[in-house]
Structures are given as structure tokens and as C-alpha cells.
N, C-alpha and C. Protein backbone atom coordinates (compact mmCIF):
# COMPACT_ATOMS: atom_id res chain seq x y z
N MET A 1 0.84 -1.17 0.00
CA MET A 1 0.00 0.00 0.00
C MET A 1 0.89 1.24 0.00
N THR A 2 0.36 2.34 -0.53
CA THR A 2 1.13 3.58 -0.57
C THR A 2 0.48 4.65 0.29
N CYS A 3 1.30 5.61 0.67
CA CYS A 3 0.85 6.76 1.45
C CYS A 3 -0.01 7.65 0.56
N LEU A 4 -1.10 8.16 1.10
CA LEU A 4 -1.99 9.05 0.36
C LEU A 4 -1.41 10.45 0.21
N ILE A 5 -0.34 10.72 0.93
CA ILE A 5 0.27 12.04 0.91
C ILE A 5 1.52 12.08 0.05
N CYS A 6 2.47 11.17 0.35
CA CYS A 6 3.77 11.22 -0.35
C CYS A 6 3.94 10.11 -1.39
N ASP A 7 2.99 9.18 -1.45
CA ASP A 7 3.01 8.09 -2.42
C ASP A 7 4.15 7.09 -2.20
N GLU A 8 4.77 7.12 -1.03
CA GLU A 8 5.80 6.15 -0.65
C GLU A 8 5.11 4.95 0.00
N PRO A 9 5.82 3.83 0.16
CA PRO A 9 5.22 2.67 0.84
C PRO A 9 4.75 3.02 2.24
N ALA A 10 3.55 2.56 2.58
CA ALA A 10 2.96 2.80 3.90
C ALA A 10 2.06 1.62 4.26
N ASP A 11 1.82 1.45 5.53
CA ASP A 11 0.92 0.40 6.00
C ASP A 11 -0.51 0.91 6.00
N GLU A 12 -1.41 0.10 5.43
CA GLU A 12 -2.82 0.43 5.50
C GLU A 12 -3.36 -0.12 6.81
N VAL A 13 -4.09 0.71 7.54
CA VAL A 13 -4.69 0.30 8.79
C VAL A 13 -6.17 0.13 8.54
N ASP A 14 -6.67 -1.08 8.76
CA ASP A 14 -8.09 -1.36 8.52
C ASP A 14 -8.86 -1.16 9.81
N ALA A 15 -9.37 0.04 9.97
CA ALA A 15 -10.10 0.37 11.18
C ALA A 15 -11.60 0.55 10.92
N GLY A 16 -12.03 0.32 9.68
CA GLY A 16 -13.44 0.50 9.34
C GLY A 16 -13.79 1.97 9.25
N GLY A 17 -15.02 2.25 8.91
CA GLY A 17 -15.45 3.64 8.82
C GLY A 17 -15.29 4.18 7.41
N ASP A 18 -15.74 5.42 7.24
CA ASP A 18 -15.71 6.07 5.92
C ASP A 18 -14.43 6.88 5.78
N TYR A 19 -13.30 6.22 5.85
CA TYR A 19 -12.02 6.86 5.67
C TYR A 19 -10.97 5.80 5.35
N GLN A 20 -9.83 6.27 4.87
CA GLN A 20 -8.68 5.40 4.69
C GLN A 20 -7.63 5.83 5.69
N GLU A 21 -7.01 4.85 6.31
CA GLU A 21 -6.03 5.14 7.35
C GLU A 21 -4.68 4.56 6.95
N ARG A 22 -3.63 5.33 7.15
CA ARG A 22 -2.29 4.90 6.78
C ARG A 22 -1.31 5.19 7.93
N ALA A 23 -0.28 4.37 7.97
CA ALA A 23 0.86 4.59 8.87
C ALA A 23 2.08 4.64 7.97
N CYS A 24 2.55 5.85 7.72
CA CYS A 24 3.68 6.09 6.82
C CYS A 24 4.92 6.42 7.65
N PRO A 25 6.05 5.80 7.34
CA PRO A 25 7.27 6.12 8.09
C PRO A 25 7.68 7.60 7.99
N LYS A 26 7.32 8.25 6.90
CA LYS A 26 7.72 9.65 6.70
C LYS A 26 6.63 10.65 7.10
N CYS A 27 5.37 10.32 6.85
CA CYS A 27 4.27 11.26 7.12
C CYS A 27 3.61 11.03 8.47
N GLY A 28 3.69 9.84 8.99
CA GLY A 28 3.06 9.54 10.27
C GLY A 28 1.77 8.74 10.09
N HIS A 29 1.01 8.63 11.17
CA HIS A 29 -0.24 7.87 11.21
C HIS A 29 -1.38 8.87 11.07
N TYR A 30 -2.25 8.66 10.08
CA TYR A 30 -3.31 9.62 9.79
C TYR A 30 -4.47 8.93 9.10
N ARG A 31 -5.57 9.66 8.98
CA ARG A 31 -6.76 9.22 8.24
C ARG A 31 -7.16 10.30 7.24
N VAL A 32 -7.77 9.86 6.14
CA VAL A 32 -8.38 10.78 5.18
C VAL A 32 -9.80 10.28 4.95
N THR A 33 -10.78 11.15 5.13
CA THR A 33 -12.17 10.73 4.96
C THR A 33 -12.48 10.42 3.50
N GLY A 34 -13.49 9.59 3.30
CA GLY A 34 -13.91 9.25 1.94
C GLY A 34 -14.35 10.48 1.16
N THR A 35 -15.03 11.40 1.81
CA THR A 35 -15.47 12.63 1.16
C THR A 35 -14.28 13.46 0.70
N ALA A 36 -13.24 13.54 1.53
CA ALA A 36 -12.03 14.29 1.15
C ALA A 36 -11.34 13.62 -0.04
N LEU A 37 -11.30 12.29 -0.05
CA LEU A 37 -10.67 11.59 -1.17
C LEU A 37 -11.43 11.82 -2.47
N VAL A 38 -12.76 11.83 -2.42
CA VAL A 38 -13.57 12.12 -3.61
C VAL A 38 -13.29 13.53 -4.10
N LEU A 39 -13.24 14.48 -3.19
CA LEU A 39 -12.96 15.88 -3.53
C LEU A 39 -11.58 16.01 -4.18
N MET A 40 -10.60 15.33 -3.62
CA MET A 40 -9.23 15.38 -4.16
C MET A 40 -9.20 14.83 -5.58
N ARG A 41 -9.85 13.70 -5.79
CA ARG A 41 -9.87 13.08 -7.12
C ARG A 41 -10.64 13.94 -8.12
N LYS A 42 -11.78 14.47 -7.69
CA LYS A 42 -12.63 15.28 -8.57
C LYS A 42 -11.88 16.47 -9.14
N HIS A 43 -11.04 17.09 -8.32
CA HIS A 43 -10.30 18.28 -8.73
C HIS A 43 -8.86 17.98 -9.15
N SER A 44 -8.50 16.70 -9.17
CA SER A 44 -7.13 16.27 -9.49
C SER A 44 -6.10 16.96 -8.60
N TRP A 45 -6.46 17.10 -7.32
CA TRP A 45 -5.57 17.72 -6.35
C TRP A 45 -4.60 16.70 -5.78
N CYS A 46 -3.45 17.18 -5.38
CA CYS A 46 -2.45 16.38 -4.66
C CYS A 46 -2.10 17.14 -3.39
N PHE A 47 -1.81 16.39 -2.34
CA PHE A 47 -1.41 17.04 -1.10
C PHE A 47 -0.04 17.68 -1.25
N ASP A 48 0.13 18.84 -0.64
CA ASP A 48 1.45 19.45 -0.48
C ASP A 48 2.12 18.63 0.63
N VAL A 49 3.12 17.86 0.26
CA VAL A 49 3.71 16.88 1.17
C VAL A 49 4.22 17.54 2.45
N GLU A 50 5.04 18.56 2.34
CA GLU A 50 5.61 19.20 3.53
C GLU A 50 4.54 19.84 4.41
N LEU A 51 3.62 20.56 3.79
CA LEU A 51 2.54 21.22 4.54
C LEU A 51 1.68 20.18 5.26
N THR A 52 1.35 19.09 4.58
CA THR A 52 0.50 18.07 5.18
C THR A 52 1.24 17.33 6.29
N ARG A 53 2.52 17.06 6.11
CA ARG A 53 3.30 16.42 7.18
C ARG A 53 3.35 17.31 8.41
N GLU A 54 3.50 18.61 8.21
CA GLU A 54 3.50 19.55 9.34
C GLU A 54 2.15 19.53 10.06
N TRP A 55 1.06 19.50 9.28
CA TRP A 55 -0.27 19.50 9.86
C TRP A 55 -0.47 18.24 10.70
N ILE A 56 -0.07 17.09 10.15
CA ILE A 56 -0.21 15.83 10.88
C ILE A 56 0.61 15.88 12.17
N GLU A 57 1.83 16.36 12.08
CA GLU A 57 2.69 16.44 13.26
C GLU A 57 2.07 17.32 14.34
N GLN A 58 1.46 18.43 13.95
CA GLN A 58 0.83 19.35 14.90
C GLN A 58 -0.37 18.70 15.59
N HIS A 59 -1.02 17.74 14.91
CA HIS A 59 -2.23 17.14 15.47
C HIS A 59 -1.99 15.78 16.12
N GLN A 60 -0.77 15.28 16.09
CA GLN A 60 -0.47 14.03 16.78
C GLN A 60 -0.33 14.30 18.27
N GLY A 61 -0.63 13.29 19.06
CA GLY A 61 -0.52 13.45 20.50
C GLY A 61 -1.74 14.06 21.14
N SER A 62 -2.79 14.29 20.35
CA SER A 62 -4.01 14.89 20.89
C SER A 62 -4.97 13.84 21.43
N GLY A 63 -4.58 12.56 21.30
CA GLY A 63 -5.46 11.49 21.76
C GLY A 63 -6.31 10.89 20.65
N THR A 64 -6.32 11.53 19.49
CA THR A 64 -7.03 10.99 18.33
C THR A 64 -6.09 10.96 17.14
N ILE A 65 -6.40 10.13 16.18
CA ILE A 65 -5.60 10.03 14.97
C ILE A 65 -5.93 11.24 14.10
N PRO A 66 -4.91 12.00 13.63
CA PRO A 66 -5.20 13.15 12.77
C PRO A 66 -6.01 12.72 11.55
N THR A 67 -7.11 13.42 11.31
CA THR A 67 -8.02 13.07 10.23
C THR A 67 -8.21 14.27 9.30
N ILE A 68 -7.88 14.05 8.04
CA ILE A 68 -8.06 15.08 7.02
C ILE A 68 -9.45 14.89 6.43
N ASP A 69 -10.31 15.88 6.62
CA ASP A 69 -11.66 15.80 6.09
C ASP A 69 -11.81 16.74 4.89
N SER A 70 -13.01 16.82 4.34
CA SER A 70 -13.24 17.63 3.14
C SER A 70 -13.07 19.12 3.39
N ASN A 71 -13.14 19.56 4.64
CA ASN A 71 -12.89 20.97 4.95
C ASN A 71 -11.39 21.25 5.02
N GLN A 72 -10.63 20.31 5.54
CA GLN A 72 -9.19 20.49 5.70
C GLN A 72 -8.41 20.23 4.42
N ALA A 73 -8.85 19.29 3.61
CA ALA A 73 -8.11 18.88 2.40
C ALA A 73 -7.75 20.05 1.47
N PRO A 74 -8.67 20.96 1.16
CA PRO A 74 -8.32 22.07 0.25
C PRO A 74 -7.21 22.98 0.81
N ARG A 75 -7.04 22.99 2.11
CA ARG A 75 -5.98 23.81 2.72
C ARG A 75 -4.62 23.16 2.64
N LEU A 76 -4.59 21.88 2.25
CA LEU A 76 -3.34 21.11 2.24
C LEU A 76 -2.91 20.70 0.84
N ILE A 77 -3.47 21.31 -0.18
CA ILE A 77 -3.14 20.89 -1.54
C ILE A 77 -1.89 21.60 -2.07
N ASP A 78 -1.29 20.96 -3.04
CA ASP A 78 -0.12 21.51 -3.74
C ASP A 78 -0.63 22.40 -4.86
N VAL A 79 -0.41 23.71 -4.73
CA VAL A 79 -0.90 24.64 -5.75
C VAL A 79 0.20 25.09 -6.69
């Protein structure tokens, strides 16, 4: 499986729900909602790798897995 952010090898975590979850050695452990993935594909958007890694790092340790939803995804794209 590959990372949804950097496209490098990553572990897919099967936790159920309407999201995809990955554990990437470079990006960290995160989730992306199904709605965000549809939005990304619809607009042919790609994550800004460094910006998204920073966002994940800022949200780790909060007791929940950082989750990129359809509101957050547009703020993390590579323009």
C-alpha cells in the first residue's frame, strides 16, 4: 500500500469507517475521509507533502488520529 500524501510505501490500517487510514514512516499515522478523497480526485488535487506532514505532526498526541476531512483537504493541496 502507498501513502496518500507522499506516495511512498505505507501500511494500510483497517479500522473500518468512511475513511482510509495509513501509517507512513515519513508522514506519520493519519486518516483521510472518503469525502475528502472524492474531492481530491474530482479536482485532481495532490497534497502538499511538507505542509501536510506539518499538519499531521501538529495534530499528533491529541489522543485521536489526525483526520483530514473535506474541509481540511483544500488547505493542504499543492498549488
